[in-house]
Each structure stands twice: as C-alpha cells, then as structure tokens.
C-alpha cells in the first residue's frame, strides 16, 4: 500500500528502469536526471526540485562527499543482489516508516534488514 505522505524522488541513473517504472505505477512522483549526469549535477537537480535522491551509488553514501544536511534527503540502497521486488518492498517499508518531512538533511542506508539514518536522531 502506498503511504499517503511520501517525498518526491529523483532516481539516479543506476536505478533500474523496471524499479522506477514500478514506483511510478504505484503513484510515486519521480524524475530522472539526464543521461550521464555527474553526481554533482544529480545533487544540484535534487536540491532545485526538493527531491530525495534514490541511488545505488556508494558516493552518495559518503557523508564527506555529500553531507546529508545539504540535501532534501538521500536513500542509498545497499541490497545485493538488487532484485526489483526486494528493493521495492524495502523502499515501501522505508516510506511507510518515515514521514516525508523527516527525509530532509538525512542519509538513509537501506538494506533487506531495514534502514539506518544519518545523522542519528532521537528515534
């Protein structure tokens, strides 16, 4: 079931088409960056559109390269193998557990076991 209060998403180029398409069919508001966009361009686009970055790119998981407080939110997916259904279910769990307003300034590391949030809050 689609949560009622979900953030707008920017699917990085490494997000499989089948996954982004499934999310769109479920009602998620998703855009994709231009092909071959640099990480910095993806980050700028997410900020200009107030979108949470959805990515498998480990660079976005590096808080020194992409400090979470500078972005509308980052979801770094660490699910291997990245099976579409497994990733989709994990994302659905995340979006059901976290309010849209709670993504701003945070890095979420998503795994099959759940997710971790940085910086840690009083949760």
Foldseek 3Di string as FASTA:
>chain_A
DADPFAFAAEEEPPPDPVLVVVCVVVPHHYDYDPPPDDPVRSQVVCAVVLHEYEECDCLCVDCVNPPLQVGSAYEHEDEPPPDSVLVNVQVRVVRVVDGSNVRRSWYWYTYSVHIDIPPDDPD
